Amino acid sequence: MILSINSNALVSFNSEAELLLNHVVKDTSNVSPLPVGAFAPEFHAHNISAEDIIGDITMSKTDIDGVKLSQFVSVKDERVGLEGAAYKSLRLLAEKIYKRKEVNPYVSFSAIEDVLFKWVIGRYTGKTSETLMEYCLPKLEAEIVKLFLWVPIFGVATEFSFDLGRTKVYNMQKQFFDTWEASFASHTRPNRADFQPRIDDFRHRLQGWAACTMHIEAEPTRAKEIVLEETENALALLRVCLPSNLHPSVPSYCRPTGREKIEKDLVFSTLGNAPASWYEGSSASFRPWILNKELFDIMGNAGLGILHQLYLLDIGVTQLESKPHE
């Protein structure tokens, strides 16, 4: 069993969870239909019947940052759940479990929060008599899988693969996208025709660029969190050698794709009654960073290799300051 927590912690978590059961409430807020004459969108998407709904309907309220403040689930003709201080207590308990060193590398906070709420409702409805940890640990462990994750790097290309931090950098070659397309042949869902435009778009934008990769055994959401964090840390090492460090007028982007934050301009122009024209583009010229073996060896000798090794040591700042010669 991967998620092995000591008995004292299990007893403590179970005791805290039992207290939550005293605070399950019914949602009395009314969900009224739109009044006559209220705005309604012109496009009708779909009618959802009871047969289309799989499982229980869960509803939640969040604050402006997306943090859940309450959560309810439909049970027969009622909505029951936790709100206010009770739901905050559930989140605090989820955080305690998440911070355990036996759990954190494998399971995300959101997965723990979700399974805790399901346990509360299960105990309330009588669907389970298990303690919190008897219920949660097997379900969380069942979510843990071995994944190979790729994070495309914006603005960086490489002619070879190399280790960087805890990631391995590869070139996203044609074979990656060909293998992706071919995998649809052995799977009926999802439908390749539905995804083909998206694959073509990814191929057009990403083929030939570099990507940080990792093999991770974890629940999928936690795996994505880990690979993004390690990619950011790895690229922080690489950015020490950015060309723009020596040439401030040269913009260079070395971030996970989607986080590059390129400034863009959009200007509309009209002349008389003529149709409006527009200008759209980045505010500064973009220059890709192409790494070859010779350049990478120079970067390694200039200090990147030392930074890479220090990062892998995973030691604190105090330890580093006390033994700088090592």
C-alpha atoms as a PDB file:
ATOM      1  CA  MET A   1       0.000   0.000   0.000  1.00  0.00           C
ATOM      2  CA  ILE A   2       1.479   3.365  -1.070  1.00  0.00           C
ATOM      3  CA  LEU A   3      -0.503   5.577   1.322  1.00  0.00           C
ATOM      4  CA  SER A   4       0.672   4.167   4.634  1.00  0.00           C
ATOM      5  CA  ILE A   5      -0.046   6.568   7.536  1.00  0.00           C
ATOM      6  CA  ASN A   6       0.909   5.810  11.149  1.00  0.00           C
ATOM      7  CA  SER A   7      -1.828   4.715  13.541  1.00  0.00           C
ATOM      8  CA  ASN A   8      -1.734   7.844  15.739  1.00  0.00           C
ATOM      9  CA  ALA A   9      -2.421  10.083  12.752  1.00  0.00           C
ATOM     10  CA  LEU A  10      -5.226   7.792  11.588  1.00  0.00           C
ATOM     11  CA  VAL A  11      -6.944   7.993  14.975  1.00  0.00           C
ATOM     12  CA  SER A  12      -6.589  11.787  15.037  1.00  0.00           C
ATOM     13  CA  PHE A  13      -8.006  12.231  11.519  1.00  0.00           C
ATOM     14  CA  ASN A  14     -10.901   9.859  12.237  1.00  0.00           C
ATOM     15  CA  SER A  15     -11.792  11.726  15.427  1.00  0.00           C
ATOM     16  CA  GLU A  16     -11.859  15.102  13.668  1.00  0.00           C
ATOM     17  CA  ALA A  17     -13.947  13.680  10.846  1.00  0.00           C
ATOM     18  CA  GLU A  18     -16.591  12.265  13.200  1.00  0.00           C
ATOM     19  CA  LEU A  19     -17.261  15.801  14.465  1.00  0.00           C
ATOM     20  CA  LEU A  20     -18.172  16.913  10.953  1.00  0.00           C
ATOM     21  CA  LEU A  21     -21.148  14.551  10.936  1.00  0.00           C
ATOM     22  CA  ASN A  22     -22.893  16.737  13.523  1.00  0.00           C
ATOM     23  CA  HIS A  23     -22.936  19.664  11.112  1.00  0.00           C
ATOM     24  CA  VAL A  24     -24.577  18.186   8.014  1.00  0.00           C
ATOM     25  CA  VAL A  25     -27.431  20.509   7.048  1.00  0.00           C
ATOM     26  CA  LYS A  26     -30.140  20.734   4.417  1.00  0.00           C
ATOM     27  CA  ASP A  27     -29.827  23.409   1.741  1.00  0.00           C
ATOM     28  CA  THR A  28     -32.909  25.586   2.034  1.00  0.00           C
ATOM     29  CA  SER A  29     -32.038  28.042  -0.716  1.00  0.00           C
ATOM     30  CA  ASN A  30     -34.556  28.098  -3.545  1.00  0.00           C
ATOM     31  CA  VAL A  31     -33.552  27.642  -7.166  1.00  0.00           C
ATOM     32  CA  SER A  32     -36.393  29.377  -8.953  1.00  0.00           C
ATOM     33  CA  PRO A  33     -36.971  29.332 -12.723  1.00  0.00           C
ATOM     34  CA  LEU A  34     -36.323  32.442 -14.794  1.00  0.00           C
ATOM     35  CA  PRO A  35     -39.181  34.922 -14.468  1.00  0.00           C
ATOM     36  CA  VAL A  36     -41.216  35.762 -17.547  1.00  0.00           C
ATOM     37  CA  GLY A  37     -39.411  38.312 -19.687  1.00  0.00           C
ATOM     38  CA  ALA A  38     -35.961  37.649 -18.188  1.00  0.00           C
ATOM     39  CA  PHE A  39     -32.962  37.431 -20.514  1.00  0.00           C
ATOM     40  CA  ALA A  40     -32.464  34.034 -22.084  1.00  0.00           C
ATOM     41  CA  PRO A  41     -29.715  33.086 -24.557  1.00  0.00           C
ATOM     42  CA  GLU A  42     -30.805  32.634 -28.166  1.00  0.00           C
ATOM     43  CA  PHE A  43     -28.804  29.435 -28.608  1.00  0.00           C
ATOM     44  CA  HIS A  44     -30.413  26.341 -27.156  1.00  0.00           C
ATOM     45  CA  ALA A  45     -27.768  23.739 -26.359  1.00  0.00           C
ATOM     46  CA  HIS A  46     -29.481  20.651 -25.005  1.00  0.00           C
ATOM     47  CA  ASN A  47     -32.220  19.345 -22.738  1.00  0.00           C
ATOM     48  CA  ILE A  48     -30.830  17.188 -19.924  1.00  0.00           C
ATOM     49  CA  SER A  49     -33.178  14.468 -18.752  1.00  0.00           C
ATOM     50  CA  ALA A  50     -32.926  12.390 -15.580  1.00  0.00           C
ATOM     51  CA  GLU A  51     -31.601   9.488 -17.678  1.00  0.00           C
ATOM     52  CA  ASP A  52     -28.670  11.651 -18.817  1.00  0.00           C
ATOM     53  CA  ILE A  53     -27.469  12.281 -15.262  1.00  0.00           C
ATOM     54  CA  ILE A  54     -24.922   9.809 -13.931  1.00  0.00           C
ATOM     55  CA  GLY A  55     -24.424   9.779 -10.167  1.00  0.00           C
ATOM     56  CA  ASP A  56     -25.405  12.414  -7.646  1.00  0.00           C
ATOM     57  CA  ILE A  57     -25.617  16.105  -8.530  1.00  0.00           C
ATOM     58  CA  THR A  58     -23.148  18.104  -6.447  1.00  0.00           C
ATOM     59  CA  MET A  59     -23.420  21.869  -5.999  1.00  0.00           C
ATOM     60  CA  SER A  60     -20.952  24.198  -4.321  1.00  0.00           C
ATOM     61  CA  LYS A  61     -20.429  27.876  -3.567  1.00  0.00           C
ATOM     62  CA  THR A  62     -17.005  29.475  -3.900  1.00  0.00           C
ATOM     63  CA  ASP A  63     -15.383  32.776  -3.064  1.00  0.00           C
ATOM     64  CA  ILE A  64     -13.776  35.080  -5.632  1.00  0.00           C
ATOM     65  CA  ASP A  65     -10.587  32.979  -5.576  1.00  0.00           C
ATOM     66  CA  GLY A  66     -12.435  29.753  -6.303  1.00  0.00           C
ATOM     67  CA  VAL A  67     -12.129  28.378  -2.748  1.00  0.00           C
ATOM     68  CA  LYS A  68     -15.179  26.331  -1.809  1.00  0.00           C
ATOM     69  CA  LEU A  69     -17.329  27.780   0.964  1.00  0.00           C
ATOM     70  CA  SER A  70     -20.009  25.096   0.954  1.00  0.00           C
ATOM     71  CA  GLN A  71     -20.968  21.926  -0.867  1.00  0.00           C
ATOM     72  CA  PHE A  72     -24.255  20.082  -1.193  1.00  0.00           C
ATOM     73  CA  VAL A  73     -25.403  16.936  -2.942  1.00  0.00           C
ATOM     74  CA  SER A  74     -28.874  15.818  -3.990  1.00  0.00           C
ATOM     75  CA  VAL A  75     -30.174  12.986  -1.828  1.00  0.00           C
ATOM     76  CA  LYS A  76     -33.645  11.890  -2.913  1.00  0.00           C
ATOM     77  CA  ASP A  77     -35.650  15.135  -2.899  1.00  0.00           C
ATOM     78  CA  GLU A  78     -33.275  17.083  -0.657  1.00  0.00           C
ATOM     79  CA  ARG A  79     -29.899  18.787  -0.914  1.00  0.00           C
ATOM     80  CA  VAL A  80     -27.639  18.038   2.043  1.00  0.00           C
ATOM     81  CA  GLY A  81     -24.075  19.008   2.810  1.00  0.00           C
ATOM     82  CA  LEU A  82     -21.779  21.311   4.748  1.00  0.00           C
ATOM     83  CA  GLU A  83     -21.478  25.065   4.750  1.00  0.00           C
ATOM     84  CA  GLY A  84     -19.752  27.913   6.573  1.00  0.00           C
ATOM     85  CA  ALA A  85     -17.519  26.938   9.491  1.00  0.00           C
ATOM     86  CA  ALA A  86     -18.313  23.238   9.021  1.00  0.00           C
ATOM     87  CA  TYR A  87     -17.071  23.183   5.454  1.00  0.00           C
ATOM     88  CA  LYS A  88     -14.023  25.195   6.489  1.00  0.00           C
ATOM     89  CA  SER A  89     -13.294  22.480   9.060  1.00  0.00           C
ATOM     90  CA  LEU A  90     -13.515  19.869   6.310  1.00  0.00           C
ATOM     91  CA  ARG A  91     -10.978  21.808   4.229  1.00  0.00           C
ATOM     92  CA  LEU A  92      -8.639  22.173   7.223  1.00  0.00           C
ATOM     93  CA  LEU A  93      -8.799  18.423   7.818  1.00  0.00           C
ATOM     94  CA  ALA A  94      -8.131  17.786   4.121  1.00  0.00           C
ATOM     95  CA  GLU A  95      -5.113  20.090   4.345  1.00  0.00           C
ATOM     96  CA  LYS A  96      -3.715  18.184   7.334  1.00  0.00           C
ATOM     97  CA  ILE A  97      -3.977  14.911   5.425  1.00  0.00           C
ATOM     98  CA  TYR A  98      -2.523  16.500   2.277  1.00  0.00           C
ATOM     99  CA  LYS A  99       0.535  17.780   4.161  1.00  0.00           C
ATOM    100  CA  ARG A 100       1.476  14.306   5.381  1.00  0.00           C
ATOM    101  CA  LYS A 101       4.734  13.213   3.757  1.00  0.00           C
ATOM    102  CA  GLU A 102       3.168   9.830   3.021  1.00  0.00           C
ATOM    103  CA  VAL A 103       0.358  11.503   1.049  1.00  0.00           C
ATOM    104  CA  ASN A 104       1.645  14.741  -0.487  1.00  0.00           C
ATOM    105  CA  PRO A 105       3.791  13.191  -3.257  1.00  0.00           C
ATOM    106  CA  TYR A 106       0.874  11.113  -4.514  1.00  0.00           C
ATOM    107  CA  VAL A 107      -2.487  12.842  -4.011  1.00  0.00           C
ATOM    108  CA  SER A 108      -3.756  16.386  -4.621  1.00  0.00           C
ATOM    109  CA  PHE A 109      -5.596  18.513  -2.078  1.00  0.00           C
ATOM    110  CA  SER A 110      -8.670  18.656  -4.332  1.00  0.00           C
ATOM    111  CA  ALA A 111      -8.866  14.851  -4.504  1.00  0.00           C
ATOM    112  CA  ILE A 112      -8.706  14.599  -0.698  1.00  0.00           C
ATOM    113  CA  GLU A 113     -11.312  17.343  -0.270  1.00  0.00           C
ATOM    114  CA  ASP A 114     -13.627  15.540  -2.691  1.00  0.00           C
ATOM    115  CA  VAL A 115     -13.354  12.114  -1.055  1.00  0.00           C
ATOM    116  CA  LEU A 116     -13.790  13.607   2.440  1.00  0.00           C
ATOM    117  CA  PHE A 117     -17.068  15.185   1.391  1.00  0.00           C
ATOM    118  CA  LYS A 118     -18.242  11.911  -0.169  1.00  0.00           C
ATOM    119  CA  TRP A 119     -17.478  10.131   3.120  1.00  0.00           C
ATOM    120  CA  VAL A 120     -19.509  12.681   5.085  1.00  0.00           C
ATOM    121  CA  ILE A 121     -22.491  12.184   2.781  1.00  0.00           C
ATOM    122  CA  GLY A 122     -22.015   8.409   2.796  1.00  0.00           C
ATOM    123  CA  ARG A 123     -22.118   8.298   6.581  1.00  0.00           C
ATOM    124  CA  TYR A 124     -25.102  10.667   6.692  1.00  0.00           C
ATOM    125  CA  THR A 125     -27.115   8.543   4.261  1.00  0.00           C
ATOM    126  CA  GLY A 126     -25.980   5.244   5.768  1.00  0.00           C
ATOM    127  CA  LYS A 127     -24.235   4.076   2.591  1.00  0.00           C
ATOM    128  CA  THR A 128     -21.046   3.462   4.562  1.00  0.00           C
ATOM    129  CA  SER A 129     -20.192   2.724   8.180  1.00  0.00           C
ATOM    130  CA  GLU A 130     -16.442   2.948   7.713  1.00  0.00           C
ATOM    131  CA  THR A 131     -14.236   5.429   9.503  1.00  0.00           C
ATOM    132  CA  LEU A 132     -12.877   8.291   7.414  1.00  0.00           C
ATOM    133  CA  MET A 133      -9.476   6.743   6.754  1.00  0.00           C
ATOM    134  CA  GLU A 134     -10.880   3.260   6.133  1.00  0.00           C
ATOM    135  CA  TYR A 135     -13.029   4.829   3.439  1.00  0.00           C
ATOM    136  CA  CYS A 136     -10.615   7.396   2.010  1.00  0.00           C
ATOM    137  CA  LEU A 137      -7.240   5.667   1.741  1.00  0.00           C
ATOM    138  CA  PRO A 138      -8.335   2.830  -0.614  1.00  0.00           C
ATOM    139  CA  LYS A 139     -10.244   5.270  -2.818  1.00  0.00           C
ATOM    140  CA  LEU A 140      -7.322   7.700  -3.024  1.00  0.00           C
ATOM    141  CA  GLU A 141      -4.854   4.888  -3.652  1.00  0.00           C
ATOM    142  CA  ALA A 142      -7.026   3.601  -6.494  1.00  0.00           C
ATOM    143  CA  GLU A 143      -6.503   6.958  -8.226  1.00  0.00           C
ATOM    144  CA  ILE A 144      -2.709   6.619  -8.235  1.00  0.00           C
ATOM    145  CA  VAL A 145      -1.306   5.666 -11.656  1.00  0.00           C
ATOM    146  CA  LYS A 146       2.027   5.779 -13.451  1.00  0.00           C
ATOM    147  CA  LEU A 147       2.085   8.644 -15.959  1.00  0.00           C
ATOM    148  CA  PHE A 148       4.579  10.083 -18.424  1.00  0.00           C
ATOM    149  CA  LEU A 149       3.949  13.820 -18.635  1.00  0.00           C
ATOM    150  CA  TRP A 150       5.155  16.405 -21.156  1.00  0.00           C
ATOM    151  CA  VAL A 151       5.164  20.180 -20.596  1.00  0.00           C
ATOM    152  CA  PRO A 152       5.973  22.089 -23.817  1.00  0.00           C
ATOM    153  CA  ILE A 153       8.446  24.950 -23.327  1.00  0.00           C
ATOM    154  CA  PHE A 154       7.610  28.157 -25.124  1.00  0.00           C
ATOM    155  CA  GLY A 155      10.388  29.664 -27.203  1.00  0.00           C
ATOM    156  CA  VAL A 156      12.989  26.919 -26.664  1.00  0.00           C
ATOM    157  CA  ALA A 157      14.083  24.295 -29.178  1.00  0.00           C
ATOM    158  CA  THR A 158      16.714  21.621 -28.711  1.00  0.00           C
ATOM    159  CA  GLU A 159      18.536  19.233 -31.017  1.00  0.00           C
ATOM    160  CA  PHE A 160      19.124  16.618 -28.277  1.00  0.00           C
ATOM    161  CA  SER A 161      17.716  15.431 -24.929  1.00  0.00           C
ATOM    162  CA  PHE A 162      19.232  16.294 -21.551  1.00  0.00           C
ATOM    163  CA  ASP A 163      18.497  16.233 -17.821  1.00  0.00           C
ATOM    164  CA  LEU A 164      17.460  19.521 -16.232  1.00  0.00           C
ATOM    165  CA  GLY A 165      16.512  19.588 -12.561  1.00  0.00           C
ATOM    166  CA  ARG A 166      14.242  16.597 -12.001  1.00  0.00           C
ATOM    167  CA  THR A 167      12.944  16.704 -15.572  1.00  0.00           C
ATOM    168  CA  LYS A 168      14.300  15.395 -18.852  1.00  0.00           C
ATOM    169  CA  VAL A 169      14.094  17.753 -21.816  1.00  0.00           C
ATOM    170  CA  TYR A 170      13.093  16.284 -25.182  1.00  0.00           C
ATOM    171  CA  ASN A 171      12.354  17.688 -28.601  1.00  0.00           C
ATOM    172  CA  MET A 172       8.669  17.280 -29.486  1.00  0.00           C
ATOM    173  CA  GLN A 173       9.295  15.426 -32.732  1.00  0.00           C
ATOM    174  CA  LYS A 174       6.886  14.358 -35.438  1.00  0.00           C
ATOM    175  CA  GLN A 175       6.801  10.867 -33.919  1.00  0.00           C
ATOM    176  CA  PHE A 176       5.092  12.175 -30.754  1.00  0.00           C
ATOM    177  CA  PHE A 177       2.083  13.448 -32.706  1.00  0.00           C
ATOM    178  CA  ASP A 178       2.035  10.460 -35.087  1.00  0.00           C
ATOM    179  CA  THR A 179       1.891   8.075 -32.099  1.00  0.00           C
ATOM    180  CA  TRP A 180      -0.904  10.151 -30.570  1.00  0.00           C
ATOM    181  CA  GLU A 181      -2.956   9.928 -33.769  1.00  0.00           C
ATOM    182  CA  ALA A 182      -2.284   6.206 -34.143  1.00  0.00           C
ATOM    183  CA  SER A 183      -3.479   5.503 -30.585  1.00  0.00           C
ATOM    184  CA  PHE A 184      -7.059   6.314 -31.638  1.00  0.00           C
ATOM    185  CA  ALA A 185      -7.110   3.174 -33.779  1.00  0.00           C
ATOM    186  CA  SER A 186      -7.206   0.947 -30.676  1.00  0.00           C
ATOM    187  CA  HIS A 187      -9.678   3.084 -28.711  1.00  0.00           C
ATOM    188  CA  THR A 188     -13.302   3.743 -29.634  1.00  0.00           C
ATOM    189  CA  ARG A 189     -13.511   6.743 -27.309  1.00  0.00           C
ATOM    190  CA  PRO A 190     -12.723   9.526 -27.694  1.00  0.00           C
ATOM    191  CA  ASN A 191     -13.538   9.777 -31.360  1.00  0.00           C
ATOM    192  CA  ARG A 192     -10.505  10.713 -33.462  1.00  0.00           C
ATOM    193  CA  ALA A 193     -12.574  12.897 -35.780  1.00  0.00           C
ATOM    194  CA  ASP A 194     -13.611  15.043 -32.829  1.00  0.00           C
ATOM    195  CA  PHE A 195     -10.020  15.539 -31.701  1.00  0.00           C
ATOM    196  CA  GLN A 196      -8.235  15.747 -35.050  1.00  0.00           C
ATOM    197  CA  PRO A 197      -8.518  19.567 -35.404  1.00  0.00           C
ATOM    198  CA  ARG A 198      -7.041  19.966 -31.919  1.00  0.00           C
ATOM    199  CA  ILE A 199      -4.191  17.545 -32.628  1.00  0.00           C
ATOM    200  CA  ASP A 200      -3.442  19.371 -35.883  1.00  0.00           C
ATOM    201  CA  ASP A 201      -3.345  22.658 -33.972  1.00  0.00           C
ATOM    202  CA  PHE A 202      -0.958  21.230 -31.360  1.00  0.00           C
ATOM    203  CA  ARG A 203       1.256  19.769 -34.088  1.00  0.00           C
ATOM    204  CA  HIS A 204       1.389  23.114 -35.886  1.00  0.00           C
ATOM    205  CA  ARG A 205       2.258  25.076 -32.727  1.00  0.00           C
ATOM    206  CA  LEU A 206       4.478  22.627 -30.822  1.00  0.00           C
ATOM    207  CA  GLN A 207       6.269  20.250 -33.195  1.00  0.00           C
ATOM    208  CA  GLY A 208       9.995  20.946 -33.089  1.00  0.00           C
ATOM    209  CA  TRP A 209       9.941  22.749 -29.751  1.00  0.00           C
ATOM    210  CA  ALA A 210      11.336  21.429 -26.470  1.00  0.00           C
ATOM    211  CA  ALA A 211       9.381  19.923 -23.589  1.00  0.00           C
ATOM    212  CA  CYS A 212      10.180  19.040 -19.978  1.00  0.00           C
ATOM    213  CA  THR A 213       9.092  15.485 -19.195  1.00  0.00           C
ATOM    214  CA  MET A 214       8.727  13.353 -16.081  1.00  0.00           C
ATOM    215  CA  HIS A 215       7.662   9.841 -15.139  1.00  0.00           C
ATOM    216  CA  ILE A 216       5.400  10.267 -12.103  1.00  0.00           C
ATOM    217  CA  GLU A 217       3.372   7.811 -10.044  1.00  0.00           C
ATOM    218  CA  ALA A 218       0.525   9.814  -8.532  1.00  0.00           C
ATOM    219  CA  GLU A 219      -3.139  10.721  -8.792  1.00  0.00           C
ATOM    220  CA  PRO A 220      -3.508  12.587 -12.138  1.00  0.00           C
ATOM    221  CA  THR A 221      -4.179  16.054 -10.706  1.00  0.00           C
ATOM    222  CA  ARG A 222      -1.236  15.757  -8.310  1.00  0.00           C
ATOM    223  CA  ALA A 223       0.969  14.488 -11.145  1.00  0.00           C
ATOM    224  CA  LYS A 224       0.143  17.600 -13.194  1.00  0.00           C
ATOM    225  CA  GLU A 225       0.907  19.838 -10.201  1.00  0.00           C
ATOM    226  CA  ILE A 226       4.269  18.154  -9.669  1.00  0.00           C
ATOM    227  CA  VAL A 227       5.379  18.257 -13.303  1.00  0.00           C
ATOM    228  CA  LEU A 228       4.451  21.935 -13.644  1.00  0.00           C
ATOM    229  CA  GLU A 229       6.307  22.830 -10.442  1.00  0.00           C
ATOM    230  CA  GLU A 230       9.397  20.868 -11.461  1.00  0.00           C
ATOM    231  CA  THR A 231       9.262  22.340 -14.968  1.00  0.00           C
ATOM    232  CA  GLU A 232       9.174  25.874 -13.572  1.00  0.00           C
ATOM    233  CA  ASN A 233      12.129  25.055 -11.304  1.00  0.00           C
ATOM    234  CA  ALA A 234      14.074  23.453 -14.144  1.00  0.00           C
ATOM    235  CA  LEU A 235      13.478  26.405 -16.449  1.00  0.00           C
ATOM    236  CA  ALA A 236      14.541  28.787 -13.667  1.00  0.00           C
ATOM    237  CA  LEU A 237      17.942  27.069 -13.855  1.00  0.00           C
ATOM    238  CA  LEU A 238      18.005  27.346 -17.636  1.00  0.00           C
ATOM    239  CA  ARG A 239      17.033  31.009 -17.612  1.00  0.00           C
ATOM    240  CA  VAL A 240      20.351  31.847 -15.916  1.00  0.00           C
ATOM    241  CA  CYS A 241      21.857  31.477 -19.386  1.00  0.00           C
ATOM    242  CA  LEU A 242      19.161  33.344 -21.335  1.00  0.00           C
ATOM    243  CA  PRO A 243      20.531  35.515 -24.160  1.00  0.00           C
ATOM    244  CA  SER A 244      18.392  38.385 -22.885  1.00  0.00           C
ATOM    245  CA  ASN A 245      20.442  38.464 -19.667  1.00  0.00           C
ATOM    246  CA  LEU A 246      23.288  39.931 -21.720  1.00  0.00           C
ATOM    247  CA  HIS A 247      21.145  41.729 -24.296  1.00  0.00           C
ATOM    248  CA  PRO A 248      18.215  43.453 -22.521  1.00  0.00           C
ATOM    249  CA  SER A 249      16.680  44.583 -25.800  1.00  0.00           C
ATOM    250  CA  VAL A 250      16.259  40.979 -26.931  1.00  0.00           C
ATOM    251  CA  PRO A 251      13.036  39.454 -25.554  1.00  0.00           C
ATOM    252  CA  SER A 252      13.297  35.773 -24.767  1.00  0.00           C
ATOM    253  CA  TYR A 253      10.668  33.522 -23.245  1.00  0.00           C
ATOM    254  CA  CYS A 254      11.476  30.337 -21.405  1.00  0.00           C
ATOM    255  CA  ARG A 255       8.289  29.263 -19.617  1.00  0.00           C
ATOM    256  CA  PRO A 256       5.822  26.389 -19.867  1.00  0.00           C
ATOM    257  CA  THR A 257       3.607  26.962 -22.882  1.00  0.00           C
ATOM    258  CA  GLY A 258       0.572  28.971 -21.811  1.00  0.00           C
ATOM    259  CA  ARG A 259       2.504  30.870 -19.132  1.00  0.00           C
ATOM    260  CA  GLU A 260       4.746  32.881 -21.436  1.00  0.00           C
ATOM    261  CA  LYS A 261       2.785  36.118 -20.870  1.00  0.00           C
ATOM    262  CA  ILE A 262       3.735  37.735 -24.168  1.00  0.00           C
ATOM    263  CA  GLU A 263       2.480  41.306 -24.397  1.00  0.00           C
ATOM    264  CA  LYS A 264       0.270  41.778 -27.444  1.00  0.00           C
ATOM    265  CA  ASP A 265      -1.157  44.827 -29.167  1.00  0.00           C
ATOM    266  CA  LEU A 266      -4.645  45.177 -30.635  1.00  0.00           C
ATOM    267  CA  VAL A 267      -5.547  48.403 -32.460  1.00  0.00           C
ATOM    268  CA  PHE A 268      -8.702  49.084 -34.514  1.00  0.00           C
ATOM    269  CA  SER A 269      -8.638  51.819 -37.125  1.00  0.00           C
ATOM    270  CA  THR A 270     -11.491  53.436 -39.026  1.00  0.00           C
ATOM    271  CA  LEU A 271     -11.386  55.897 -41.930  1.00  0.00           C
ATOM    272  CA  GLY A 272     -14.640  57.524 -42.864  1.00  0.00           C
ATOM    273  CA  ASN A 273     -17.327  54.965 -43.631  1.00  0.00           C
ATOM    274  CA  ALA A 274     -14.861  52.266 -44.654  1.00  0.00           C
ATOM    275  CA  PRO A 275     -14.884  48.958 -42.736  1.00  0.00           C
ATOM    276  CA  ALA A 276     -12.610  48.986 -39.693  1.00  0.00           C
ATOM    277  CA  SER A 277      -9.143  47.520 -40.076  1.00  0.00           C
ATOM    278  CA  TRP A 278      -6.999  46.282 -37.249  1.00  0.00           C
ATOM    279  CA  TYR A 279      -3.451  45.539 -36.212  1.00  0.00           C
ATOM    280  CA  GLU A 280      -2.808  42.599 -33.942  1.00  0.00           C
ATOM    281  CA  GLY A 281       0.561  41.263 -32.840  1.00  0.00           C
ATOM    282  CA  SER A 282       3.199  41.072 -30.128  1.00  0.00           C
ATOM    283  CA  SER A 283       4.636  44.347 -28.898  1.00  0.00           C
ATOM    284  CA  ALA A 284       8.230  43.084 -29.297  1.00  0.00           C
ATOM    285  CA  SER A 285       9.883  40.768 -31.789  1.00  0.00           C
ATOM    286  CA  PHE A 286      10.226  37.188 -30.614  1.00  0.00           C
ATOM    287  CA  ARG A 287      13.468  35.292 -31.018  1.00  0.00           C
ATOM    288  CA  PRO A 288      13.460  31.534 -30.264  1.00  0.00           C
ATOM    289  CA  TRP A 289      16.249  30.038 -28.195  1.00  0.00           C
ATOM    290  CA  ILE A 290      17.760  27.073 -30.022  1.00  0.00           C
ATOM    291  CA  LEU A 291      20.013  24.832 -27.938  1.00  0.00           C
ATOM    292  CA  ASN A 292      22.625  22.666 -29.625  1.00  0.00           C
ATOM    293  CA  LYS A 293      25.130  20.383 -27.907  1.00  0.00           C
ATOM    294  CA  GLU A 294      28.030  22.801 -28.217  1.00  0.00           C
ATOM    295  CA  LEU A 295      26.071  25.689 -26.678  1.00  0.00           C
ATOM    296  CA  PHE A 296      24.716  23.483 -23.907  1.00  0.00           C
ATOM    297  CA  ASP A 297      28.236  22.274 -22.994  1.00  0.00           C
ATOM    298  CA  ILE A 298      29.376  25.900 -22.742  1.00  0.00           C
ATOM    299  CA  MET A 299      26.391  26.696 -20.493  1.00  0.00           C
ATOM    300  CA  GLY A 300      27.181  23.676 -18.342  1.00  0.00           C
ATOM    301  CA  ASN A 301      30.802  24.714 -17.866  1.00  0.00           C
ATOM    302  CA  ALA A 302      29.715  28.288 -17.113  1.00  0.00           C
ATOM    303  CA  GLY A 303      27.677  27.193 -14.098  1.00  0.00           C
ATOM    304  CA  LEU A 304      24.471  25.507 -15.257  1.00  0.00           C
ATOM    305  CA  GLY A 305      25.893  22.086 -14.405  1.00  0.00           C
ATOM    306  CA  ILE A 306      26.635  23.152 -10.821  1.00  0.00           C
ATOM    307  CA  LEU A 307      23.157  24.671 -10.399  1.00  0.00           C
ATOM    308  CA  HIS A 308      21.627  21.444 -11.702  1.00  0.00           C
ATOM    309  CA  GLN A 309      23.536  19.328  -9.176  1.00  0.00           C
ATOM    310  CA  LEU A 310      22.753  21.692  -6.278  1.00  0.00           C
ATOM    311  CA  TYR A 311      19.062  21.516  -7.104  1.00  0.00           C
ATOM    312  CA  LEU A 312      19.110  17.727  -7.030  1.00  0.00           C
ATOM    313  CA  LEU A 313      20.772  17.751  -3.583  1.00  0.00           C
ATOM    314  CA  ASP A 314      17.559  19.284  -2.208  1.00  0.00           C
ATOM    315  CA  ILE A 315      19.301  20.895   0.757  1.00  0.00           C
ATOM    316  CA  GLY A 316      18.216  23.972   2.675  1.00  0.00           C
ATOM    317  CA  VAL A 317      19.763  27.419   2.369  1.00  0.00           C
ATOM    318  CA  THR A 318      21.212  27.177   5.894  1.00  0.00           C
ATOM    319  CA  GLN A 319      23.045  23.959   5.043  1.00  0.00           C
ATOM    320  CA  LEU A 320      24.393  25.481   1.848  1.00  0.00           C
ATOM    321  CA  GLU A 321      25.651  28.605   3.625  1.00  0.00           C
ATOM    322  CA  SER A 322      27.333  26.573   6.363  1.00  0.00           C
ATOM    323  CA  LYS A 323      29.300  24.390   3.924  1.00  0.00           C
ATOM    324  CA  PRO A 324      29.820  26.479   0.765  1.00  0.00           C
ATOM    325  CA  HIS A 325      33.100  24.693  -0.074  1.00  0.00           C
ATOM    326  CA  GLU A 326      31.295  21.380  -0.493  1.00  0.00           C
END
